[in-house]
C-alpha atoms as a PDB file:
ATOM      1  CA  MET A   1      -0.582  11.162  29.820  1.00  0.00           C
ATOM      2  CA  SER A   2       2.858  12.746  28.846  1.00  0.00           C
ATOM      3  CA  GLN A   3       2.868  16.291  27.183  1.00  0.00           C
ATOM      4  CA  ASN A   4       5.268  14.915  24.978  1.00  0.00           C
ATOM      5  CA  LEU A   5       2.766  12.442  23.164  1.00  0.00           C
ATOM      6  CA  LYS A   6       1.601  13.025  19.407  1.00  0.00           C
ATOM      7  CA  THR A   7      -1.675  13.121  19.019  1.00  0.00           C
ATOM      8  CA  ILE A   8      -3.548  11.126  16.266  1.00  0.00           C
ATOM      9  CA  PHE A   9      -7.314  11.071  15.488  1.00  0.00           C
ATOM     10  CA  ILE A  10      -8.574   8.414  13.093  1.00  0.00           C
ATOM     11  CA  ASP A  11     -11.437   9.505  11.100  1.00  0.00           C
ATOM     12  CA  GLY A  12     -13.293   6.438  10.250  1.00  0.00           C
ATOM     13  CA  GLU A  13     -11.578   4.416  12.931  1.00  0.00           C
ATOM     14  CA  ALA A  14     -14.529   1.910  12.909  1.00  0.00           C
ATOM     15  CA  GLY A  15     -13.568   0.334   9.357  1.00  0.00           C
ATOM     16  CA  THR A  16     -11.458  -2.505   8.823  1.00  0.00           C
ATOM     17  CA  THR A  17      -8.218  -0.449   8.015  1.00  0.00           C
ATOM     18  CA  GLY A  18      -9.238   2.332  11.191  1.00  0.00           C
ATOM     19  CA  LEU A  19      -9.282  -0.706  13.338  1.00  0.00           C
ATOM     20  CA  GLY A  20      -5.844  -2.093  12.528  1.00  0.00           C
ATOM     21  CA  ILE A  21      -4.167   1.144  12.595  1.00  0.00           C
ATOM     22  CA  ARG A  22      -5.276   2.014  16.300  1.00  0.00           C
ATOM     23  CA  GLU A  23      -4.385  -1.760  17.148  1.00  0.00           C
ATOM     24  CA  ARG A  24      -1.043  -0.951  15.879  1.00  0.00           C
ATOM     25  CA  LEU A  25      -0.783   2.332  17.376  1.00  0.00           C
ATOM     26  CA  ALA A  26      -1.845   0.987  20.728  1.00  0.00           C
ATOM     27  CA  VAL A  27       1.782  -0.540  21.328  1.00  0.00           C
ATOM     28  CA  VAL A  28       3.817   2.596  19.931  1.00  0.00           C
ATOM     29  CA  PRO A  29       4.507   4.552  23.393  1.00  0.00           C
ATOM     30  CA  GLU A  30       4.656   7.954  21.664  1.00  0.00           C
ATOM     31  CA  VAL A  31       1.688   8.582  20.360  1.00  0.00           C
ATOM     32  CA  ALA A  32      -2.103   8.950  22.078  1.00  0.00           C
ATOM     33  CA  VAL A  33      -5.016   8.395  19.689  1.00  0.00           C
ATOM     34  CA  LYS A  34      -7.837  10.487  20.226  1.00  0.00           C
ATOM     35  CA  SER A  35     -11.789   9.558  19.496  1.00  0.00           C
ATOM     36  CA  ILE A  36     -14.607  11.316  18.521  1.00  0.00           C
ATOM     37  CA  ASP A  37     -17.845  10.738  20.122  1.00  0.00           C
ATOM     38  CA  PRO A  38     -19.609   8.298  18.073  1.00  0.00           C
ATOM     39  CA  ASP A  39     -22.972  10.011  17.561  1.00  0.00           C
ATOM     40  CA  LYS A  40     -20.706  13.155  16.175  1.00  0.00           C
ATOM     41  CA  ARG A  41     -18.879  10.818  13.920  1.00  0.00           C
ATOM     42  CA  LYS A  42     -20.659  12.639  10.912  1.00  0.00           C
ATOM     43  CA  ASP A  43     -20.651  16.117  12.462  1.00  0.00           C
ATOM     44  CA  PRO A  44     -18.498  18.597  10.652  1.00  0.00           C
ATOM     45  CA  ALA A  45     -17.995  21.109  13.388  1.00  0.00           C
ATOM     46  CA  ALA A  46     -16.990  18.239  15.698  1.00  0.00           C
ATOM     47  CA  ARG A  47     -14.562  16.869  13.166  1.00  0.00           C
ATOM     48  CA  LYS A  48     -12.821  20.206  12.623  1.00  0.00           C
ATOM     49  CA  ASP A  49     -12.098  20.813  16.236  1.00  0.00           C
ATOM     50  CA  MET A  50     -10.760  17.323  16.684  1.00  0.00           C
ATOM     51  CA  MET A  51      -8.581  18.024  13.556  1.00  0.00           C
ATOM     52  CA  ALA A  52      -7.465  21.263  15.440  1.00  0.00           C
ATOM     53  CA  SER A  53      -6.694  19.335  18.599  1.00  0.00           C
ATOM     54  CA  VAL A  54      -4.141  16.576  17.301  1.00  0.00           C
ATOM     55  CA  ASP A  55      -0.987  16.641  15.704  1.00  0.00           C
ATOM     56  CA  LEU A  56      -1.943  14.070  12.639  1.00  0.00           C
ATOM     57  CA  VAL A  57      -5.212  13.008  11.003  1.00  0.00           C
ATOM     58  CA  VAL A  58      -5.517   9.667   9.481  1.00  0.00           C
ATOM     59  CA  LEU A  59      -8.287   9.318   7.006  1.00  0.00           C
ATOM     60  CA  CYS A  60      -9.953   5.817   6.674  1.00  0.00           C
ATOM     61  CA  LEU A  61     -12.971   7.045   4.674  1.00  0.00           C
ATOM     62  CA  PRO A  62     -14.679   6.559   0.619  1.00  0.00           C
ATOM     63  CA  ASP A  63     -13.005   8.847  -1.177  1.00  0.00           C
ATOM     64  CA  ASP A  64     -15.710  11.496  -1.469  1.00  0.00           C
ATOM     65  CA  ALA A  65     -15.785  11.875   2.377  1.00  0.00           C
ATOM     66  CA  ALA A  66     -11.762  11.742   2.520  1.00  0.00           C
ATOM     67  CA  LYS A  67     -11.956  14.889   0.184  1.00  0.00           C
ATOM     68  CA  GLU A  68     -14.401  16.503   2.418  1.00  0.00           C
ATOM     69  CA  SER A  69     -12.332  15.706   5.360  1.00  0.00           C
ATOM     70  CA  VAL A  70      -9.312  17.743   3.667  1.00  0.00           C
ATOM     71  CA  ALA A  71     -11.346  20.576   3.018  1.00  0.00           C
ATOM     72  CA  LEU A  72     -12.492  20.842   6.654  1.00  0.00           C
ATOM     73  CA  ALA A  73      -8.594  20.634   7.724  1.00  0.00           C
ATOM     74  CA  ASP A  74      -7.846  23.433   4.893  1.00  0.00           C
ATOM     75  CA  GLN A  75     -10.216  25.631   6.975  1.00  0.00           C
ATOM     76  CA  LEU A  76      -7.575  25.350   9.911  1.00  0.00           C
ATOM     77  CA  GLY A  77      -5.076  27.187   7.779  1.00  0.00           C
ATOM     78  CA  ALA A  78      -1.702  26.993   9.690  1.00  0.00           C
ATOM     79  CA  GLY A  79      -3.352  25.298  12.541  1.00  0.00           C
ATOM     80  CA  ALA A  80      -4.102  22.220  10.203  1.00  0.00           C
ATOM     81  CA  PRO A  81      -2.638  19.071  11.174  1.00  0.00           C
ATOM     82  CA  LYS A  82      -1.075  16.591   8.990  1.00  0.00           C
ATOM     83  CA  ILE A  83      -2.832  14.273   7.521  1.00  0.00           C
ATOM     84  CA  VAL A  84      -2.338  10.220   6.100  1.00  0.00           C
ATOM     85  CA  ASP A  85      -4.907   9.375   3.679  1.00  0.00           C
ATOM     86  CA  ALA A  86      -5.838   5.715   3.461  1.00  0.00           C
ATOM     87  CA  ALA A  87      -8.486   6.289   0.498  1.00  0.00           C
ATOM     88  CA  THR A  88      -7.776   6.432  -2.992  1.00  0.00           C
ATOM     89  CA  ALA A  89      -8.458   9.907  -3.050  1.00  0.00           C
ATOM     90  CA  HIS A  90      -5.465  11.671  -3.217  1.00  0.00           C
ATOM     91  CA  ARG A  91      -2.719   9.387  -4.559  1.00  0.00           C
ATOM     92  CA  VAL A  92      -1.745  10.780  -7.783  1.00  0.00           C
ATOM     93  CA  ALA A  93      -3.164  14.157  -6.461  1.00  0.00           C
ATOM     94  CA  PRO A  94      -0.738  17.408  -6.742  1.00  0.00           C
ATOM     95  CA  GLY A  95       0.797  18.397  -3.331  1.00  0.00           C
ATOM     96  CA  TRP A  96       0.440  14.711  -1.837  1.00  0.00           C
ATOM     97  CA  VAL A  97       3.460  12.573  -1.296  1.00  0.00           C
ATOM     98  CA  TYR A  98       2.918   8.722  -2.465  1.00  0.00           C
ATOM     99  CA  GLY A  99       3.302   6.931   1.216  1.00  0.00           C
ATOM    100  CA  PHE A 100       5.160   3.687   0.077  1.00  0.00           C
ATOM    101  CA  ALA A 101       8.642   4.723   1.934  1.00  0.00           C
ATOM    102  CA  GLU A 102      10.713   2.463  -0.105  1.00  0.00           C
ATOM    103  CA  LEU A 103       9.772   3.605  -3.620  1.00  0.00           C
ATOM    104  CA  GLU A 104      13.335   5.289  -4.283  1.00  0.00           C
ATOM    105  CA  PRO A 105      15.983   6.163  -2.556  1.00  0.00           C
ATOM    106  CA  GLY A 106      15.493   9.513  -0.444  1.00  0.00           C
ATOM    107  CA  HIS A 107      11.673   8.998  -0.580  1.00  0.00           C
ATOM    108  CA  ALA A 108      11.010   8.241   3.487  1.00  0.00           C
ATOM    109  CA  ALA A 109      12.689  11.337   3.994  1.00  0.00           C
ATOM    110  CA  LYS A 110      10.212  13.050   1.687  1.00  0.00           C
ATOM    111  CA  ILE A 111       7.296  11.380   3.709  1.00  0.00           C
ATOM    112  CA  ALA A 112       9.189  12.409   6.813  1.00  0.00           C
ATOM    113  CA  LYS A 113       8.896  16.404   5.742  1.00  0.00           C
ATOM    114  CA  ALA A 114       5.431  15.825   4.156  1.00  0.00           C
ATOM    115  CA  ASP A 115       2.174  17.621   5.558  1.00  0.00           C
ATOM    116  CA  ARG A 116      -0.057  15.153   3.702  1.00  0.00           C
ATOM    117  CA  VAL A 117       0.759  12.028   2.849  1.00  0.00           C
ATOM    118  CA  ALA A 118      -1.426   9.651   0.344  1.00  0.00           C
ATOM    119  CA  ASN A 119      -1.055   5.616   1.934  1.00  0.00           C
ATOM    120  CA  PRO A 120      -0.738   3.297  -1.381  1.00  0.00           C
ATOM    121  CA  GLY A 121      -2.904   0.553  -2.258  1.00  0.00           C
ATOM    122  CA  CYS A 122      -2.192  -2.933  -1.748  1.00  0.00           C
ATOM    123  CA  TYR A 123      -2.052  -4.058  -5.135  1.00  0.00           C
ATOM    124  CA  PRO A 124       0.172  -1.350  -6.276  1.00  0.00           C
ATOM    125  CA  THR A 125       2.345  -1.639  -3.398  1.00  0.00           C
ATOM    126  CA  GLY A 126       3.323  -5.158  -4.754  1.00  0.00           C
ATOM    127  CA  ALA A 127       3.191  -4.161  -8.482  1.00  0.00           C
ATOM    128  CA  ILE A 128       5.228  -1.025  -7.496  1.00  0.00           C
ATOM    129  CA  ALA A 129       8.087  -2.618  -5.550  1.00  0.00           C
ATOM    130  CA  LEU A 130       8.574  -5.157  -8.603  1.00  0.00           C
ATOM    131  CA  LEU A 131       8.383  -2.879 -11.703  1.00  0.00           C
ATOM    132  CA  ARG A 132       9.866   0.371 -10.533  1.00  0.00           C
ATOM    133  CA  PRO A 133      13.209  -0.935  -9.858  1.00  0.00           C
ATOM    134  CA  LEU A 134      13.338  -2.415 -13.716  1.00  0.00           C
ATOM    135  CA  VAL A 135      12.172   0.410 -15.205  1.00  0.00           C
ATOM    136  CA  ASP A 136      15.106   2.900 -13.365  1.00  0.00           C
ATOM    137  CA  ALA A 137      17.429   0.576 -14.127  1.00  0.00           C
ATOM    138  CA  GLY A 138      16.410   0.646 -18.004  1.00  0.00           C
ATOM    139  CA  LEU A 139      15.657  -3.117 -17.613  1.00  0.00           C
ATOM    140  CA  MET A 140      12.176  -2.543 -18.569  1.00  0.00           C
ATOM    141  CA  ALA A 141      10.961   0.052 -21.028  1.00  0.00           C
ATOM    142  CA  PRO A 142       8.212   2.451 -19.844  1.00  0.00           C
ATOM    143  CA  ASP A 143       6.130   1.675 -22.511  1.00  0.00           C
ATOM    144  CA  HIS A 144       6.386  -2.113 -21.823  1.00  0.00           C
ATOM    145  CA  ALA A 145       3.120  -4.066 -22.207  1.00  0.00           C
ATOM    146  CA  VAL A 146       2.558  -4.639 -18.641  1.00  0.00           C
ATOM    147  CA  THR A 147       0.106  -7.599 -17.207  1.00  0.00           C
ATOM    148  CA  VAL A 148      -0.427  -7.492 -13.607  1.00  0.00           C
ATOM    149  CA  ASN A 149      -2.067 -10.570 -11.982  1.00  0.00           C
ATOM    150  CA  ALA A 150      -3.005 -10.554  -8.066  1.00  0.00           C
ATOM    151  CA  VAL A 151      -5.104 -12.452  -5.793  1.00  0.00           C
ATOM    152  CA  SER A 152      -6.042 -11.088  -2.508  1.00  0.00           C
ATOM    153  CA  GLY A 153      -7.784 -12.412   0.845  1.00  0.00           C
ATOM    154  CA  TYR A 154     -11.104 -11.066   1.244  1.00  0.00           C
ATOM    155  CA  SER A 155     -10.642  -8.935   4.076  1.00  0.00           C
ATOM    156  CA  GLY A 156      -9.781  -6.038   1.855  1.00  0.00           C
ATOM    157  CA  GLY A 157     -13.204  -5.943   0.080  1.00  0.00           C
ATOM    158  CA  GLY A 158     -15.191  -4.129   2.655  1.00  0.00           C
ATOM    159  CA  LYS A 159     -17.575  -5.429   4.976  1.00  0.00           C
ATOM    160  CA  SER A 160     -20.348  -6.934   2.715  1.00  0.00           C
ATOM    161  CA  MET A 161     -17.392  -9.189   0.983  1.00  0.00           C
ATOM    162  CA  ILE A 162     -16.427  -9.956   4.336  1.00  0.00           C
ATOM    163  CA  GLU A 163     -20.011 -11.156   5.504  1.00  0.00           C
ATOM    164  CA  ASP A 164     -20.347 -12.896   2.067  1.00  0.00           C
ATOM    165  CA  PHE A 165     -17.075 -15.213   2.827  1.00  0.00           C
ATOM    166  CA  GLU A 166     -17.750 -15.628   6.388  1.00  0.00           C
ATOM    167  CA  THR A 167     -21.313 -16.942   5.731  1.00  0.00           C
ATOM    168  CA  GLY A 168     -20.303 -18.981   2.740  1.00  0.00           C
ATOM    169  CA  VAL A 169     -22.305 -16.864   0.593  1.00  0.00           C
ATOM    170  CA  ALA A 170     -19.234 -16.119  -1.680  1.00  0.00           C
ATOM    171  CA  PRO A 171     -17.284 -18.240  -4.274  1.00  0.00           C
ATOM    172  CA  ALA A 172     -14.299 -20.039  -3.321  1.00  0.00           C
ATOM    173  CA  PHE A 173     -12.353 -17.815  -5.687  1.00  0.00           C
ATOM    174  CA  GLU A 174     -13.214 -15.209  -8.330  1.00  0.00           C
ATOM    175  CA  LEU A 175     -11.731 -12.527 -10.825  1.00  0.00           C
ATOM    176  CA  TYR A 176     -12.946  -9.108 -10.520  1.00  0.00           C
ATOM    177  CA  GLY A 177     -12.192  -5.910 -12.341  1.00  0.00           C
ATOM    178  CA  LEU A 178     -12.693  -6.944 -15.575  1.00  0.00           C
ATOM    179  CA  GLY A 179     -14.070  -3.641 -16.572  1.00  0.00           C
ATOM    180  CA  LEU A 180     -10.132  -2.785 -16.712  1.00  0.00           C
ATOM    181  CA  ARG A 181     -10.834   0.137 -14.600  1.00  0.00           C
ATOM    182  CA  HIS A 182      -9.713  -0.858 -11.025  1.00  0.00           C
ATOM    183  CA  LYS A 183      -9.328   2.127  -8.922  1.00  0.00           C
ATOM    184  CA  HIS A 184      -5.554   1.055  -8.192  1.00  0.00           C
ATOM    185  CA  LEU A 185      -4.739   1.740 -12.040  1.00  0.00           C
ATOM    186  CA  PRO A 186      -3.696   5.321 -11.631  1.00  0.00           C
ATOM    187  CA  GLU A 187      -1.140   5.043  -9.391  1.00  0.00           C
ATOM    188  CA  LEU A 188       0.083   1.648 -10.231  1.00  0.00           C
ATOM    189  CA  GLN A 189       0.832   3.181 -13.848  1.00  0.00           C
ATOM    190  CA  ALA A 190       2.238   6.684 -12.528  1.00  0.00           C
ATOM    191  CA  TYR A 191       4.656   5.283  -9.376  1.00  0.00           C
ATOM    192  CA  ALA A 192       6.066   2.273 -11.552  1.00  0.00           C
ATOM    193  CA  ARG A 193       6.916   5.014 -14.521  1.00  0.00           C
ATOM    194  CA  LEU A 194       4.834   3.321 -16.993  1.00  0.00           C
ATOM    195  CA  THR A 195       3.740   5.613 -19.751  1.00  0.00           C
ATOM    196  CA  ARG A 196       1.619   2.686 -21.267  1.00  0.00           C
ATOM    197  CA  ARG A 197      -1.160   1.696 -19.145  1.00  0.00           C
ATOM    198  CA  PRO A 198      -0.941  -1.693 -17.534  1.00  0.00           C
ATOM    199  CA  ILE A 199      -3.719  -4.790 -17.856  1.00  0.00           C
ATOM    200  CA  PHE A 200      -4.691  -5.457 -14.213  1.00  0.00           C
ATOM    201  CA  VAL A 201      -6.675  -8.589 -13.182  1.00  0.00           C
ATOM    202  CA  PRO A 202      -7.175  -8.685  -9.436  1.00  0.00           C
ATOM    203  CA  SER A 203      -8.922 -11.784  -7.835  1.00  0.00           C
ATOM    204  CA  VAL A 204     -10.222 -12.921  -4.307  1.00  0.00           C
ATOM    205  CA  GLY A 205      -9.880 -16.190  -2.690  1.00  0.00           C
ATOM    206  CA  ASN A 206     -11.594 -17.871   0.208  1.00  0.00           C
ATOM    207  CA  PHE A 207      -8.973 -16.505   2.942  1.00  0.00           C
ATOM    208  CA  ARG A 208      -9.062 -13.729   5.305  1.00  0.00           C
ATOM    209  CA  GLN A 209      -5.928 -11.745   4.583  1.00  0.00           C
ATOM    210  CA  GLY A 210      -2.541 -12.078   2.438  1.00  0.00           C
ATOM    211  CA  MET A 211      -1.925 -11.116  -1.029  1.00  0.00           C
ATOM    212  CA  LEU A 212       0.183 -11.980  -3.882  1.00  0.00           C
ATOM    213  CA  VAL A 213       1.024 -10.092  -7.189  1.00  0.00           C
ATOM    214  CA  SER A 214       2.748 -11.101  -9.689  1.00  0.00           C
ATOM    215  CA  VAL A 215       3.903  -9.897 -13.560  1.00  0.00           C
ATOM    216  CA  PRO A 216       4.908 -12.347 -16.179  1.00  0.00           C
ATOM    217  CA  LEU A 217       7.641 -11.316 -18.528  1.00  0.00           C
ATOM    218  CA  HIS A 218       9.033 -12.469 -21.921  1.00  0.00           C
ATOM    219  CA  LEU A 219      12.748 -11.730 -21.324  1.00  0.00           C
ATOM    220  CA  ASP A 220      13.345 -11.158 -25.289  1.00  0.00           C
ATOM    221  CA  MET A 221      10.941  -8.306 -24.823  1.00  0.00           C
ATOM    222  CA  LEU A 222      12.914  -6.351 -22.469  1.00  0.00           C
ATOM    223  CA  PRO A 223      16.038  -3.799 -23.263  1.00  0.00           C
ATOM    224  CA  GLY A 224      19.153  -5.689 -23.836  1.00  0.00           C
ATOM    225  CA  ARG A 225      17.296  -9.276 -23.256  1.00  0.00           C
ATOM    226  CA  PRO A 226      18.451  -9.651 -19.234  1.00  0.00           C
ATOM    227  CA  GLY A 227      18.508 -12.606 -17.731  1.00  0.00           C
ATOM    228  CA  VAL A 228      16.534 -13.964 -14.446  1.00  0.00           C
ATOM    229  CA  ALA A 229      19.641 -13.283 -12.369  1.00  0.00           C
ATOM    230  CA  ASP A 230      19.598  -9.845 -13.682  1.00  0.00           C
ATOM    231  CA  LEU A 231      16.241  -8.896 -12.664  1.00  0.00           C
ATOM    232  CA  HIS A 232      17.045 -10.425  -9.592  1.00  0.00           C
ATOM    233  CA  HIS A 233      20.003  -8.576  -8.924  1.00  0.00           C
ATOM    234  CA  ALA A 234      18.293  -5.313  -9.682  1.00  0.00           C
ATOM    235  CA  LEU A 235      15.715  -5.666  -6.921  1.00  0.00           C
ATOM    236  CA  ALA A 236      18.133  -6.969  -4.342  1.00  0.00           C
ATOM    237  CA  GLU A 237      20.146  -3.762  -4.840  1.00  0.00           C
ATOM    238  CA  ARG A 238      17.218  -1.703  -4.877  1.00  0.00           C
ATOM    239  CA  TYR A 239      16.293  -2.963  -1.678  1.00  0.00           C
ATOM    240  CA  ALA A 240      19.683  -3.738   0.146  1.00  0.00           C
ATOM    241  CA  GLY A 241      19.527  -2.787   3.666  1.00  0.00           C
ATOM    242  CA  SER A 242      15.581  -2.079   3.893  1.00  0.00           C
ATOM    243  CA  THR A 243      13.964  -2.826   6.918  1.00  0.00           C
ATOM    244  CA  TYR A 244      10.330  -4.226   5.796  1.00  0.00           C
ATOM    245  CA  VAL A 245      11.177  -5.198   1.781  1.00  0.00           C
ATOM    246  CA  ARG A 246      13.375  -8.048   1.412  1.00  0.00           C
ATOM    247  CA  VAL A 247      14.302  -9.703  -2.069  1.00  0.00           C
ATOM    248  CA  VAL A 248      14.589 -13.554  -2.002  1.00  0.00           C
ATOM    249  CA  THR A 249      15.533 -16.284  -4.338  1.00  0.00           C
ATOM    250  CA  GLN A 250      13.450 -18.991  -5.715  1.00  0.00           C
ATOM    251  CA  ASP A 251      15.483 -21.785  -4.747  1.00  0.00           C
ATOM    252  CA  GLY A 252      13.885 -24.505  -2.444  1.00  0.00           C
ATOM    253  CA  LEU A 253      10.517 -22.791  -3.090  1.00  0.00           C
ATOM    254  CA  GLY A 254       9.819 -25.694  -5.689  1.00  0.00           C
ATOM    255  CA  GLY A 255       7.948 -23.035  -8.200  1.00  0.00           C
ATOM    256  CA  LYS A 256       5.199 -22.171  -6.079  1.00  0.00           C
ATOM    257  CA  ILE A 257       4.137 -19.742  -3.128  1.00  0.00           C
ATOM    258  CA  GLU A 258       1.313 -19.108  -0.981  1.00  0.00           C
ATOM    259  CA  PRO A 259      -0.146 -15.969   0.488  1.00  0.00           C
ATOM    260  CA  GLU A 260      -0.583 -15.817   3.897  1.00  0.00           C
ATOM    261  CA  ALA A 261       3.031 -15.898   5.328  1.00  0.00           C
ATOM    262  CA  LEU A 262       3.600 -12.506   5.847  1.00  0.00           C
ATOM    263  CA  ASN A 263      -0.024 -11.909   7.752  1.00  0.00           C
ATOM    264  CA  ASP A 264       0.102  -9.720  10.897  1.00  0.00           C
ATOM    265  CA  THR A 265       3.525  -7.803   9.560  1.00  0.00           C
ATOM    266  CA  ASN A 266       4.293  -4.762   7.289  1.00  0.00           C
ATOM    267  CA  LYS A 267       6.833  -6.783   5.101  1.00  0.00           C
ATOM    268  CA  LEU A 268       7.180  -7.067   1.669  1.00  0.00           C
ATOM    269  CA  GLU A 269       8.880 -10.135   0.088  1.00  0.00           C
ATOM    270  CA  LEU A 270       9.625 -10.013  -3.772  1.00  0.00           C
ATOM    271  CA  MET A 271      10.981 -12.847  -5.670  1.00  0.00           C
ATOM    272  CA  VAL A 272      12.195 -13.595  -9.283  1.00  0.00           C
ATOM    273  CA  PHE A 273      10.834 -17.315 -10.602  1.00  0.00           C
ATOM    274  CA  GLY A 274      11.975 -17.844 -14.329  1.00  0.00           C
ATOM    275  CA  GLN A 275      13.871 -19.867 -16.533  1.00  0.00           C
ATOM    276  CA  ASP A 276      16.870 -18.377 -19.023  1.00  0.00           C
ATOM    277  CA  ASP A 277      16.417 -21.293 -21.499  1.00  0.00           C
ATOM    278  CA  LEU A 278      12.848 -20.290 -22.021  1.00  0.00           C
ATOM    279  CA  GLY A 279      13.339 -16.934 -22.133  1.00  0.00           C
ATOM    280  CA  GLN A 280      10.630 -16.532 -19.730  1.00  0.00           C
ATOM    281  CA  ALA A 281      10.225 -14.824 -15.885  1.00  0.00           C
ATOM    282  CA  VAL A 282       7.401 -14.197 -13.360  1.00  0.00           C
ATOM    283  CA  LEU A 283       8.056 -11.231 -10.633  1.00  0.00           C
ATOM    284  CA  VAL A 284       6.191 -12.301  -7.701  1.00  0.00           C
ATOM    285  CA  ALA A 285       5.606  -9.906  -4.455  1.00  0.00           C
ATOM    286  CA  ARG A 286       3.998 -11.189  -1.495  1.00  0.00           C
ATOM    287  CA  LEU A 287       2.354  -9.264   1.232  1.00  0.00           C
ATOM    288  CA  ASP A 288      -0.513  -8.999   4.096  1.00  0.00           C
ATOM    289  CA  ASN A 289      -3.185  -6.814   2.353  1.00  0.00           C
ATOM    290  CA  LEU A 290      -3.984  -5.343   5.923  1.00  0.00           C
ATOM    291  CA  GLY A 291      -0.365  -4.791   6.563  1.00  0.00           C
ATOM    292  CA  LYS A 292       2.064  -3.376   3.915  1.00  0.00           C
ATOM    293  CA  GLY A 293      -1.154  -3.029   1.768  1.00  0.00           C
ATOM    294  CA  ALA A 294      -2.823  -0.995   4.423  1.00  0.00           C
ATOM    295  CA  SER A 295      -2.244  -0.421   7.970  1.00  0.00           C
ATOM    296  CA  GLY A 296       0.882  -1.183   8.423  1.00  0.00           C
ATOM    297  CA  ALA A 297       2.105   1.403   5.995  1.00  0.00           C
ATOM    298  CA  ALA A 298      -0.057   4.024   7.443  1.00  0.00           C
ATOM    299  CA  VAL A 299       1.864   3.479  10.910  1.00  0.00           C
ATOM    300  CA  GLN A 300       4.817   3.229   9.013  1.00  0.00           C
ATOM    301  CA  ASN A 301       4.273   6.561   7.430  1.00  0.00           C
ATOM    302  CA  ILE A 302       2.580   8.198  10.898  1.00  0.00           C
ATOM    303  CA  ARG A 303       6.069   7.350  12.363  1.00  0.00           C
ATOM    304  CA  LEU A 304       8.153   9.072   9.844  1.00  0.00           C
ATOM    305  CA  MET A 305       5.960  12.209   9.438  1.00  0.00           C
ATOM    306  CA  LEU A 306       6.244  12.590  13.513  1.00  0.00           C
ATOM    307  CA  GLY A 307       9.563  11.738  13.642  1.00  0.00           C
ATOM    308  CA  LEU A 308       9.332   8.604  15.608  1.00  0.00           C
ATOM    309  CA  PRO A 309      11.708   5.768  15.773  1.00  0.00           C
ATOM    310  CA  GLU A 310      10.977   2.995  13.316  1.00  0.00           C
ATOM    311  CA  ALA A 311       9.223   0.092  14.890  1.00  0.00           C
END
């Protein structure tokens, strides 16, 4: 094994995201993934020793366990590894950089210099990508009453949901999060730069992976009453030259879109559907909830933090 390889420990590698990251890293020649003995996965001393031996740790754990792992790393002081947290725990925490590299110009460089990066949630990735450029361009007021609708494949729901769908127990489609306190809302609001809490209505369908995030808009309620083309231009200008984010036109789509086209990629597509004569538009983001919404984004951040070339 080359001594120049960067070493990575995935704390929680047996879960959906951990397995996805490991699979994506298997084709990255510059890194070596180190694993802990299965019987020591919950042993703090063994995990701390592993952390001390690697360049970067990826946390694929429940929030409380992720916080415990960070506390272990803190004990290493100057010898602590860089950390990517795939959990929700640190996405709006002080001292952590949000891991959506395309958030704003120059943000990828912030990730590259960071010691601690919080990987984004799948739903916020789509919503923030649509909303942040409009807020920054003055086309949407920060206190605009935003509604975000979304549908995801069932793989994002964890082991029990996956089992329910694959055994035919789950319904074909369902809304959830109707208590309006979904755990993704804080990061969505913070990084879209919204001062009013959005209404977020997620749903899950009977397909394994893929995601659509949509935001309906009345154009006469936006500053300056922009047209559909103005919204499209703001997104296209923001993501021009991006490797992974592409803004596409509604032409030829027939007013419909399916969620699975970007599966097994780290790509994100953004669209503006609308009719100027009606004064209405719908912003739509399409991504793989396991790709740009999870393990794909994590590996993108790992490459940035370890100074590795873009895929």
